[in-house]
Amino acid sequence: MTAAISSEWLKLRRSRLWWITILATTVAALAGALFIFIGQDPDRARALGLLGAKAQLASIPADWNGHCGLLAQIMAVGGICIFGILTIWMFGREYADRTMKDLLALPTSRTAIICAKFIVIDAWCLLLTGYAYAIGLATGALLRLPGWSLGVAGFGLLRLFVTAAMTIGLTTVLALAASIGRGYLAAFGTMIVTVFLAQIIAALGYGQYFPWSVPALFSGIAGPDTSSLPVLSFVSVAAVVVAATTATVVWANRADQAG
C-alpha cells in the first residue's frame, strides 16, 4: 500500500493538474471574498464598476459567519468540479494512456492500487480545502469583517470540511464511471448529469433525499433552515460512497482489463 500511494502521489506531483486545482481553488475563494466585498457596500461596488445598476445580490451577511458560510457553499458547488476533475484524471488517465492493464499486472494487489488512488485524491482535496480556508481567513482580515471569534472560525472550518468531505466522497462515482467507461468521457458525462440533477431536484424541494444535493444544502446555500438536514441525507451520501468505492474495487479485480 505504501508503494502504491507513493506511486500515485508521484504521478500527481509530476502532472500539471496539481497546480491547476490550486489555481481553481484560489479563484473560487477570491470570488467569495469579492462577493462579500460587494455586499459590504453595494453602492461602493457600483461606483467601482463591480456591480451593474440592475444587479441584485443574495442577502449574504458581510461578516465572518457569512464569509465562512459562503466559502462552504462555493466548495459544495465548485468542489464537485475541482475534485471531480482530479478523480476523473486519476482513474481515466490509466485507460487513456493504456497503462491500466500493466498497472494491475504488478505484484501490488489491485485493491491496494485502487485504494491508493482514493487516498491520494482524498488527501489532496482536503489540502485544497484547507488552502481555501486559509485564503478565506486572509481575505476576511483584509476586509475587516465584523463578528470574529474563535467559535465562529471553528464552526466555519467544521462546516467547510464536512461539506468538502461529502463532496469528495461523492466523486467516487466518477472513479467508477471512468473505470467502466475506460477513459474520461463517461466520467465527465456522469459529472455533468449529477450536477444538473442536483440543481433540478433541489429546486423541486427534494434535495435532501438526493445525495448530490446534500453538500450544498448542508452548506446553507438555500438558507440557514436547510443547514439542519435529516440523518437520512447523510446516510444516503455514505451509501453512495461505500457502494461506488466497493464497485470500483470489484471492477478492477474482476473486469477484463485487456486492451
C-alpha atoms as a PDB file:
ATOM      1  CA  MET A   1       0.000   0.000   0.000  1.00  0.00           C
ATOM      2  CA  THR A   2       2.830   2.394   0.846  1.00  0.00           C
ATOM      3  CA  ALA A   3       4.465   1.821  -2.525  1.00  0.00           C
ATOM      4  CA  ALA A   4       1.142   2.282  -4.321  1.00  0.00           C
ATOM      5  CA  ILE A   5       0.428   5.548  -2.503  1.00  0.00           C
ATOM      6  CA  SER A   6       3.926   6.838  -3.254  1.00  0.00           C
ATOM      7  CA  SER A   7       3.490   5.986  -6.914  1.00  0.00           C
ATOM      8  CA  GLU A   8       0.099   7.721  -7.208  1.00  0.00           C
ATOM      9  CA  TRP A   9       1.371  10.764  -5.338  1.00  0.00           C
ATOM     10  CA  LEU A  10       4.356  10.966  -7.680  1.00  0.00           C
ATOM     11  CA  LYS A  11       2.044  10.849 -10.702  1.00  0.00           C
ATOM     12  CA  LEU A  12       0.031  13.758  -9.345  1.00  0.00           C
ATOM     13  CA  ARG A  13       3.095  15.779  -8.382  1.00  0.00           C
ATOM     14  CA  ARG A  14       4.650  15.429 -11.833  1.00  0.00           C
ATOM     15  CA  SER A  15       1.434  16.331 -13.627  1.00  0.00           C
ATOM     16  CA  ARG A  16       0.087  19.793 -14.355  1.00  0.00           C
ATOM     17  CA  LEU A  17      -3.170  19.047 -12.573  1.00  0.00           C
ATOM     18  CA  TRP A  18      -1.995  19.834  -9.063  1.00  0.00           C
ATOM     19  CA  TRP A  19      -1.308  23.488  -9.805  1.00  0.00           C
ATOM     20  CA  ILE A  20      -4.437  23.744 -11.960  1.00  0.00           C
ATOM     21  CA  THR A  21      -6.523  22.641  -8.972  1.00  0.00           C
ATOM     22  CA  ILE A  22      -4.685  25.139  -6.771  1.00  0.00           C
ATOM     23  CA  LEU A  23      -5.411  27.900  -9.273  1.00  0.00           C
ATOM     24  CA  ALA A  24      -9.091  26.922  -9.478  1.00  0.00           C
ATOM     25  CA  THR A  25      -9.379  26.843  -5.679  1.00  0.00           C
ATOM     26  CA  THR A  26      -7.697  30.247  -5.426  1.00  0.00           C
ATOM     27  CA  VAL A  27     -10.089  31.787  -7.943  1.00  0.00           C
ATOM     28  CA  ALA A  28     -13.097  30.260  -6.176  1.00  0.00           C
ATOM     29  CA  ALA A  29     -12.025  31.514  -2.740  1.00  0.00           C
ATOM     30  CA  LEU A  30     -11.220  35.000  -4.046  1.00  0.00           C
ATOM     31  CA  ALA A  31     -14.590  35.096  -5.824  1.00  0.00           C
ATOM     32  CA  GLY A  32     -16.254  34.522  -2.463  1.00  0.00           C
ATOM     33  CA  ALA A  33     -14.262  37.381  -0.954  1.00  0.00           C
ATOM     34  CA  LEU A  34     -15.323  39.602  -3.868  1.00  0.00           C
ATOM     35  CA  PHE A  35     -18.995  38.902  -3.188  1.00  0.00           C
ATOM     36  CA  ILE A  36     -18.501  39.760   0.480  1.00  0.00           C
ATOM     37  CA  PHE A  37     -16.706  42.974  -0.528  1.00  0.00           C
ATOM     38  CA  ILE A  38     -19.638  43.887  -2.765  1.00  0.00           C
ATOM     39  CA  GLY A  39     -22.112  43.002  -0.024  1.00  0.00           C
ATOM     40  CA  GLN A  40     -20.354  45.311   2.422  1.00  0.00           C
ATOM     41  CA  ASP A  41     -21.305  48.356   0.369  1.00  0.00           C
ATOM     42  CA  PRO A  42     -23.186  47.776  -2.923  1.00  0.00           C
ATOM     43  CA  ASP A  43     -23.077  51.495  -3.766  1.00  0.00           C
ATOM     44  CA  ARG A  44     -19.308  51.485  -3.467  1.00  0.00           C
ATOM     45  CA  ALA A  45     -19.153  48.388  -5.665  1.00  0.00           C
ATOM     46  CA  ARG A  46     -21.281  50.083  -8.318  1.00  0.00           C
ATOM     47  CA  ALA A  47     -19.043  53.144  -8.195  1.00  0.00           C
ATOM     48  CA  LEU A  48     -16.024  50.892  -8.781  1.00  0.00           C
ATOM     49  CA  GLY A  49     -17.776  49.189 -11.695  1.00  0.00           C
ATOM     50  CA  LEU A  50     -18.018  45.834  -9.901  1.00  0.00           C
ATOM     51  CA  LEU A  51     -21.793  45.747  -9.879  1.00  0.00           C
ATOM     52  CA  GLY A  52     -24.281  46.636 -12.580  1.00  0.00           C
ATOM     53  CA  ALA A  53     -27.014  49.142 -11.803  1.00  0.00           C
ATOM     54  CA  LYS A  54     -29.718  46.474 -12.123  1.00  0.00           C
ATOM     55  CA  ALA A  55     -27.791  43.635 -10.498  1.00  0.00           C
ATOM     56  CA  GLN A  56     -29.057  42.074  -7.284  1.00  0.00           C
ATOM     57  CA  LEU A  57     -27.098  40.131  -4.706  1.00  0.00           C
ATOM     58  CA  ALA A  58     -28.262  37.383  -2.415  1.00  0.00           C
ATOM     59  CA  SER A  59     -28.580  38.557   1.171  1.00  0.00           C
ATOM     60  CA  ILE A  60     -25.201  37.301   2.364  1.00  0.00           C
ATOM     61  CA  PRO A  61     -24.204  38.887   5.694  1.00  0.00           C
ATOM     62  CA  ALA A  62     -20.944  40.777   5.299  1.00  0.00           C
ATOM     63  CA  ASP A  63     -19.447  39.332   8.473  1.00  0.00           C
ATOM     64  CA  TRP A  64     -17.269  36.386   9.422  1.00  0.00           C
ATOM     65  CA  ASN A  65     -20.170  33.981   9.732  1.00  0.00           C
ATOM     66  CA  GLY A  66     -21.471  34.916   6.290  1.00  0.00           C
ATOM     67  CA  HIS A  67     -17.974  34.761   4.814  1.00  0.00           C
ATOM     68  CA  CYS A  68     -17.328  31.254   6.164  1.00  0.00           C
ATOM     69  CA  GLY A  69     -20.765  30.120   5.042  1.00  0.00           C
ATOM     70  CA  LEU A  70     -20.207  31.436   1.536  1.00  0.00           C
ATOM     71  CA  LEU A  71     -16.863  29.644   1.391  1.00  0.00           C
ATOM     72  CA  ALA A  72     -18.584  26.357   2.252  1.00  0.00           C
ATOM     73  CA  GLN A  73     -21.224  26.998  -0.413  1.00  0.00           C
ATOM     74  CA  ILE A  74     -18.557  27.649  -3.028  1.00  0.00           C
ATOM     75  CA  MET A  75     -16.796  24.452  -2.021  1.00  0.00           C
ATOM     76  CA  ALA A  76     -20.033  22.481  -2.339  1.00  0.00           C
ATOM     77  CA  VAL A  77     -20.779  23.781  -5.843  1.00  0.00           C
ATOM     78  CA  GLY A  78     -17.297  24.295  -7.265  1.00  0.00           C
ATOM     79  CA  GLY A  79     -15.754  21.433  -5.348  1.00  0.00           C
ATOM     80  CA  ILE A  80     -17.663  18.793  -7.260  1.00  0.00           C
ATOM     81  CA  CYS A  81     -15.981  20.096 -10.420  1.00  0.00           C
ATOM     82  CA  ILE A  82     -12.491  20.626  -8.975  1.00  0.00           C
ATOM     83  CA  PHE A  83     -12.451  17.379  -7.014  1.00  0.00           C
ATOM     84  CA  GLY A  84     -14.303  15.583  -9.784  1.00  0.00           C
ATOM     85  CA  ILE A  85     -11.781  16.507 -12.456  1.00  0.00           C
ATOM     86  CA  LEU A  86      -8.983  15.258 -10.216  1.00  0.00           C
ATOM     87  CA  THR A  87     -10.774  11.935  -9.673  1.00  0.00           C
ATOM     88  CA  ILE A  88     -11.542  11.538 -13.365  1.00  0.00           C
ATOM     89  CA  TRP A  89      -7.907  12.194 -14.247  1.00  0.00           C
ATOM     90  CA  MET A  90      -6.546   9.791 -11.611  1.00  0.00           C
ATOM     91  CA  PHE A  91      -8.612   6.902 -12.961  1.00  0.00           C
ATOM     92  CA  GLY A  92      -9.246   7.857 -16.569  1.00  0.00           C
ATOM     93  CA  ARG A  93      -5.627   8.534 -17.466  1.00  0.00           C
ATOM     94  CA  GLU A  94      -4.715   4.897 -16.928  1.00  0.00           C
ATOM     95  CA  TYR A  95      -7.118   3.896 -19.697  1.00  0.00           C
ATOM     96  CA  ALA A  96      -6.337   6.873 -21.937  1.00  0.00           C
ATOM     97  CA  ASP A  97      -2.594   6.115 -21.719  1.00  0.00           C
ATOM     98  CA  ARG A  98      -3.240   2.347 -21.941  1.00  0.00           C
ATOM     99  CA  THR A  99      -1.382   1.664 -18.710  1.00  0.00           C
ATOM    100  CA  MET A 100      -4.196   0.142 -16.650  1.00  0.00           C
ATOM    101  CA  LYS A 101      -3.581  -3.478 -17.671  1.00  0.00           C
ATOM    102  CA  ASP A 102       0.143  -3.036 -16.980  1.00  0.00           C
ATOM    103  CA  LEU A 103      -0.547  -1.329 -13.667  1.00  0.00           C
ATOM    104  CA  LEU A 104      -2.857  -4.103 -12.497  1.00  0.00           C
ATOM    105  CA  ALA A 105      -0.308  -6.744 -13.521  1.00  0.00           C
ATOM    106  CA  LEU A 106       2.152  -5.537 -10.873  1.00  0.00           C
ATOM    107  CA  PRO A 107       2.813  -7.617  -7.713  1.00  0.00           C
ATOM    108  CA  THR A 108       0.914  -4.990  -5.718  1.00  0.00           C
ATOM    109  CA  SER A 109      -2.700  -6.068  -5.323  1.00  0.00           C
ATOM    110  CA  ARG A 110      -5.354  -4.405  -7.450  1.00  0.00           C
ATOM    111  CA  THR A 111      -7.292  -3.462  -4.349  1.00  0.00           C
ATOM    112  CA  ALA A 112      -4.247  -1.667  -2.939  1.00  0.00           C
ATOM    113  CA  ILE A 113      -3.753   0.270  -6.181  1.00  0.00           C
ATOM    114  CA  ILE A 114      -7.372   1.451  -6.313  1.00  0.00           C
ATOM    115  CA  CYS A 115      -7.379   2.327  -2.624  1.00  0.00           C
ATOM    116  CA  ALA A 116      -4.109   4.227  -3.071  1.00  0.00           C
ATOM    117  CA  LYS A 117      -5.723   6.331  -5.785  1.00  0.00           C
ATOM    118  CA  PHE A 118      -8.619   7.169  -3.482  1.00  0.00           C
ATOM    119  CA  ILE A 119      -6.265   8.011  -0.611  1.00  0.00           C
ATOM    120  CA  VAL A 120      -4.213  10.404  -2.748  1.00  0.00           C
ATOM    121  CA  ILE A 121      -7.381  12.030  -4.111  1.00  0.00           C
ATOM    122  CA  ASP A 122      -8.810  12.486  -0.610  1.00  0.00           C
ATOM    123  CA  ALA A 123      -5.553  13.849   0.793  1.00  0.00           C
ATOM    124  CA  TRP A 124      -5.051  16.381  -1.989  1.00  0.00           C
ATOM    125  CA  CYS A 125      -8.676  17.534  -1.940  1.00  0.00           C
ATOM    126  CA  LEU A 126      -8.544  18.052   1.828  1.00  0.00           C
ATOM    127  CA  LEU A 127      -5.338  20.048   1.402  1.00  0.00           C
ATOM    128  CA  LEU A 128      -7.124  22.202  -1.172  1.00  0.00           C
ATOM    129  CA  THR A 129      -9.956  22.706   1.308  1.00  0.00           C
ATOM    130  CA  GLY A 130      -7.527  23.849   3.989  1.00  0.00           C
ATOM    131  CA  TYR A 131      -5.889  26.156   1.451  1.00  0.00           C
ATOM    132  CA  ALA A 132      -9.280  27.675   0.590  1.00  0.00           C
ATOM    133  CA  TYR A 133      -9.959  28.252   4.290  1.00  0.00           C
ATOM    134  CA  ALA A 134      -6.587  29.966   4.699  1.00  0.00           C
ATOM    135  CA  ILE A 135      -7.448  32.300   1.820  1.00  0.00           C
ATOM    136  CA  GLY A 136     -10.801  32.935   3.486  1.00  0.00           C
ATOM    137  CA  LEU A 137      -9.098  33.917   6.738  1.00  0.00           C
ATOM    138  CA  ALA A 138      -6.689  36.230   4.937  1.00  0.00           C
ATOM    139  CA  THR A 139      -9.340  37.955   2.825  1.00  0.00           C
ATOM    140  CA  GLY A 140     -11.694  38.268   5.792  1.00  0.00           C
ATOM    141  CA  ALA A 141      -8.953  40.004   7.761  1.00  0.00           C
ATOM    142  CA  LEU A 142      -8.189  42.339   4.845  1.00  0.00           C
ATOM    143  CA  LEU A 143     -11.875  43.247   4.564  1.00  0.00           C
ATOM    144  CA  ARG A 144     -12.021  43.813   8.346  1.00  0.00           C
ATOM    145  CA  LEU A 145     -15.202  41.825   8.679  1.00  0.00           C
ATOM    146  CA  PRO A 146     -17.087  42.114  11.963  1.00  0.00           C
ATOM    147  CA  GLY A 147     -18.104  39.220  14.164  1.00  0.00           C
ATOM    148  CA  TRP A 148     -14.753  37.459  14.539  1.00  0.00           C
ATOM    149  CA  SER A 149     -14.426  34.858  17.272  1.00  0.00           C
ATOM    150  CA  LEU A 150     -12.740  31.511  17.655  1.00  0.00           C
ATOM    151  CA  GLY A 151     -16.163  29.904  17.877  1.00  0.00           C
ATOM    152  CA  VAL A 152     -17.268  31.374  14.549  1.00  0.00           C
ATOM    153  CA  ALA A 153     -13.955  30.434  12.916  1.00  0.00           C
ATOM    154  CA  GLY A 154     -14.112  26.908  14.319  1.00  0.00           C
ATOM    155  CA  PHE A 155     -17.708  26.377  13.234  1.00  0.00           C
ATOM    156  CA  GLY A 156     -16.875  27.744   9.787  1.00  0.00           C
ATOM    157  CA  LEU A 157     -13.930  25.371   9.499  1.00  0.00           C
ATOM    158  CA  LEU A 158     -16.060  22.408  10.589  1.00  0.00           C
ATOM    159  CA  ARG A 159     -18.852  23.257   8.145  1.00  0.00           C
ATOM    160  CA  LEU A 160     -16.346  23.713   5.333  1.00  0.00           C
ATOM    161  CA  PHE A 161     -14.601  20.388   5.918  1.00  0.00           C
ATOM    162  CA  VAL A 162     -17.829  18.416   6.377  1.00  0.00           C
ATOM    163  CA  THR A 163     -19.139  19.913   3.136  1.00  0.00           C
ATOM    164  CA  ALA A 164     -15.875  19.149   1.365  1.00  0.00           C
ATOM    165  CA  ALA A 165     -15.731  15.604   2.771  1.00  0.00           C
ATOM    166  CA  MET A 166     -19.184  14.808   1.424  1.00  0.00           C
ATOM    167  CA  THR A 167     -18.323  16.364  -1.936  1.00  0.00           C
ATOM    168  CA  ILE A 168     -15.068  14.414  -2.148  1.00  0.00           C
ATOM    169  CA  GLY A 169     -16.854  11.201  -1.228  1.00  0.00           C
ATOM    170  CA  LEU A 170     -19.421  11.610  -3.984  1.00  0.00           C
ATOM    171  CA  THR A 171     -16.649  11.781  -6.601  1.00  0.00           C
ATOM    172  CA  THR A 172     -16.136   8.044  -6.089  1.00  0.00           C
ATOM    173  CA  VAL A 173     -18.976   7.596  -8.579  1.00  0.00           C
ATOM    174  CA  LEU A 174     -16.820   9.367 -11.168  1.00  0.00           C
ATOM    175  CA  ALA A 175     -14.000   6.914 -10.470  1.00  0.00           C
ATOM    176  CA  LEU A 176     -16.406   4.063 -11.161  1.00  0.00           C
ATOM    177  CA  ALA A 177     -17.651   5.757 -14.345  1.00  0.00           C
ATOM    178  CA  ALA A 178     -14.083   6.310 -15.551  1.00  0.00           C
ATOM    179  CA  SER A 179     -13.282   2.659 -14.886  1.00  0.00           C
ATOM    180  CA  ILE A 180     -16.364   1.237 -16.596  1.00  0.00           C
ATOM    181  CA  GLY A 181     -16.111   3.741 -19.454  1.00  0.00           C
ATOM    182  CA  ARG A 182     -12.366   3.109 -19.724  1.00  0.00           C
ATOM    183  CA  GLY A 183     -11.470   6.778 -20.019  1.00  0.00           C
ATOM    184  CA  TYR A 184     -12.572  10.330 -19.410  1.00  0.00           C
ATOM    185  CA  LEU A 185     -15.770  10.784 -21.423  1.00  0.00           C
ATOM    186  CA  ALA A 186     -18.182   8.613 -19.438  1.00  0.00           C
ATOM    187  CA  ALA A 187     -16.956  10.142 -16.177  1.00  0.00           C
ATOM    188  CA  PHE A 188     -17.294  13.716 -17.460  1.00  0.00           C
ATOM    189  CA  GLY A 189     -20.793  12.905 -18.665  1.00  0.00           C
ATOM    190  CA  THR A 190     -21.661  11.470 -15.256  1.00  0.00           C
ATOM    191  CA  MET A 191     -20.358  14.590 -13.520  1.00  0.00           C
ATOM    192  CA  ILE A 192     -22.448  16.883 -15.737  1.00  0.00           C
ATOM    193  CA  VAL A 193     -25.588  14.800 -15.211  1.00  0.00           C
ATOM    194  CA  THR A 194     -25.210  14.657 -11.415  1.00  0.00           C
ATOM    195  CA  VAL A 195     -24.585  18.409 -11.157  1.00  0.00           C
ATOM    196  CA  PHE A 196     -27.621  19.090 -13.353  1.00  0.00           C
ATOM    197  CA  LEU A 197     -29.867  16.736 -11.402  1.00  0.00           C
ATOM    198  CA  ALA A 198     -28.652  18.168  -8.085  1.00  0.00           C
ATOM    199  CA  GLN A 199     -29.835  21.628  -9.142  1.00  0.00           C
ATOM    200  CA  ILE A 200     -33.176  20.436 -10.502  1.00  0.00           C
ATOM    201  CA  ILE A 201     -34.068  18.147  -7.603  1.00  0.00           C
ATOM    202  CA  ALA A 202     -33.049  20.757  -5.018  1.00  0.00           C
ATOM    203  CA  ALA A 203     -35.211  23.342  -6.795  1.00  0.00           C
ATOM    204  CA  LEU A 204     -38.172  20.929  -6.616  1.00  0.00           C
ATOM    205  CA  GLY A 205     -37.708  20.645  -2.859  1.00  0.00           C
ATOM    206  CA  TYR A 206     -36.421  17.075  -2.690  1.00  0.00           C
ATOM    207  CA  GLY A 207     -32.713  17.856  -2.484  1.00  0.00           C
ATOM    208  CA  GLN A 208     -32.354  16.394   0.996  1.00  0.00           C
ATOM    209  CA  TYR A 209     -33.115  12.966  -0.473  1.00  0.00           C
ATOM    210  CA  PHE A 210     -30.676  13.264  -3.389  1.00  0.00           C
ATOM    211  CA  PRO A 211     -27.051  12.686  -2.304  1.00  0.00           C
ATOM    212  CA  TRP A 212     -25.512  15.164  -4.751  1.00  0.00           C
ATOM    213  CA  SER A 213     -27.706  17.969  -3.408  1.00  0.00           C
ATOM    214  CA  VAL A 214     -26.871  17.312   0.238  1.00  0.00           C
ATOM    215  CA  PRO A 215     -23.447  19.057   0.455  1.00  0.00           C
ATOM    216  CA  ALA A 216     -24.825  22.311  -0.967  1.00  0.00           C
ATOM    217  CA  LEU A 217     -27.877  22.201   1.290  1.00  0.00           C
ATOM    218  CA  PHE A 218     -25.695  21.462   4.317  1.00  0.00           C
ATOM    219  CA  SER A 219     -23.530  24.491   3.490  1.00  0.00           C
ATOM    220  CA  GLY A 220     -26.643  26.680   3.702  1.00  0.00           C
ATOM    221  CA  ILE A 221     -26.855  27.603   0.042  1.00  0.00           C
ATOM    222  CA  ALA A 222     -30.668  27.651   0.151  1.00  0.00           C
ATOM    223  CA  GLY A 223     -30.884  29.420   3.512  1.00  0.00           C
ATOM    224  CA  PRO A 224     -29.947  28.655   7.123  1.00  0.00           C
ATOM    225  CA  ASP A 225     -33.021  26.461   7.569  1.00  0.00           C
ATOM    226  CA  THR A 226     -31.576  23.871   5.182  1.00  0.00           C
ATOM    227  CA  SER A 227     -28.295  23.506   7.081  1.00  0.00           C
ATOM    228  CA  SER A 228     -30.042  21.109   9.513  1.00  0.00           C
ATOM    229  CA  LEU A 229     -30.725  18.054   7.410  1.00  0.00           C
ATOM    230  CA  PRO A 230     -32.270  14.729   8.453  1.00  0.00           C
ATOM    231  CA  VAL A 231     -29.967  11.824   9.207  1.00  0.00           C
ATOM    232  CA  LEU A 232     -31.239  10.119   6.068  1.00  0.00           C
ATOM    233  CA  SER A 233     -29.498  12.750   3.952  1.00  0.00           C
ATOM    234  CA  PHE A 234     -26.076  11.886   5.368  1.00  0.00           C
ATOM    235  CA  VAL A 235     -26.833   8.176   5.221  1.00  0.00           C
ATOM    236  CA  SER A 236     -27.601   8.491   1.507  1.00  0.00           C
ATOM    237  CA  VAL A 237     -24.247  10.172   0.890  1.00  0.00           C
ATOM    238  CA  ALA A 238     -22.420   7.499   2.882  1.00  0.00           C
ATOM    239  CA  ALA A 239     -24.267   4.756   0.993  1.00  0.00           C
ATOM    240  CA  VAL A 240     -23.198   6.201  -2.367  1.00  0.00           C
ATOM    241  CA  VAL A 241     -19.576   6.460  -1.227  1.00  0.00           C
ATOM    242  CA  VAL A 242     -19.436   2.889   0.068  1.00  0.00           C
ATOM    243  CA  ALA A 243     -21.247   1.440  -2.940  1.00  0.00           C
ATOM    244  CA  ALA A 244     -19.179   3.326  -5.540  1.00  0.00           C
ATOM    245  CA  THR A 245     -15.865   2.584  -3.814  1.00  0.00           C
ATOM    246  CA  THR A 246     -16.693  -1.107  -3.480  1.00  0.00           C
ATOM    247  CA  ALA A 247     -17.887  -1.319  -7.074  1.00  0.00           C
ATOM    248  CA  THR A 248     -14.695   0.346  -8.339  1.00  0.00           C
ATOM    249  CA  VAL A 249     -12.528  -2.136  -6.442  1.00  0.00           C
ATOM    250  CA  VAL A 250     -14.621  -5.078  -7.660  1.00  0.00           C
ATOM    251  CA  TRP A 251     -14.433  -3.799 -11.257  1.00  0.00           C
ATOM    252  CA  ALA A 252     -10.633  -3.541 -11.070  1.00  0.00           C
ATOM    253  CA  ASN A 253     -10.384  -7.081  -9.726  1.00  0.00           C
ATOM    254  CA  ARG A 254     -12.893  -8.875 -11.951  1.00  0.00           C
ATOM    255  CA  ALA A 255     -13.342  -6.935 -15.182  1.00  0.00           C
ATOM    256  CA  ASP A 256     -11.378  -7.769 -18.297  1.00  0.00           C
ATOM    257  CA  GLN A 257      -8.641  -5.113 -18.415  1.00  0.00           C
ATOM    258  CA  ALA A 258      -7.124  -6.177 -21.712  1.00  0.00           C
ATOM    259  CA  GLY A 259      -6.586  -3.571 -24.443  1.00  0.00           C
END
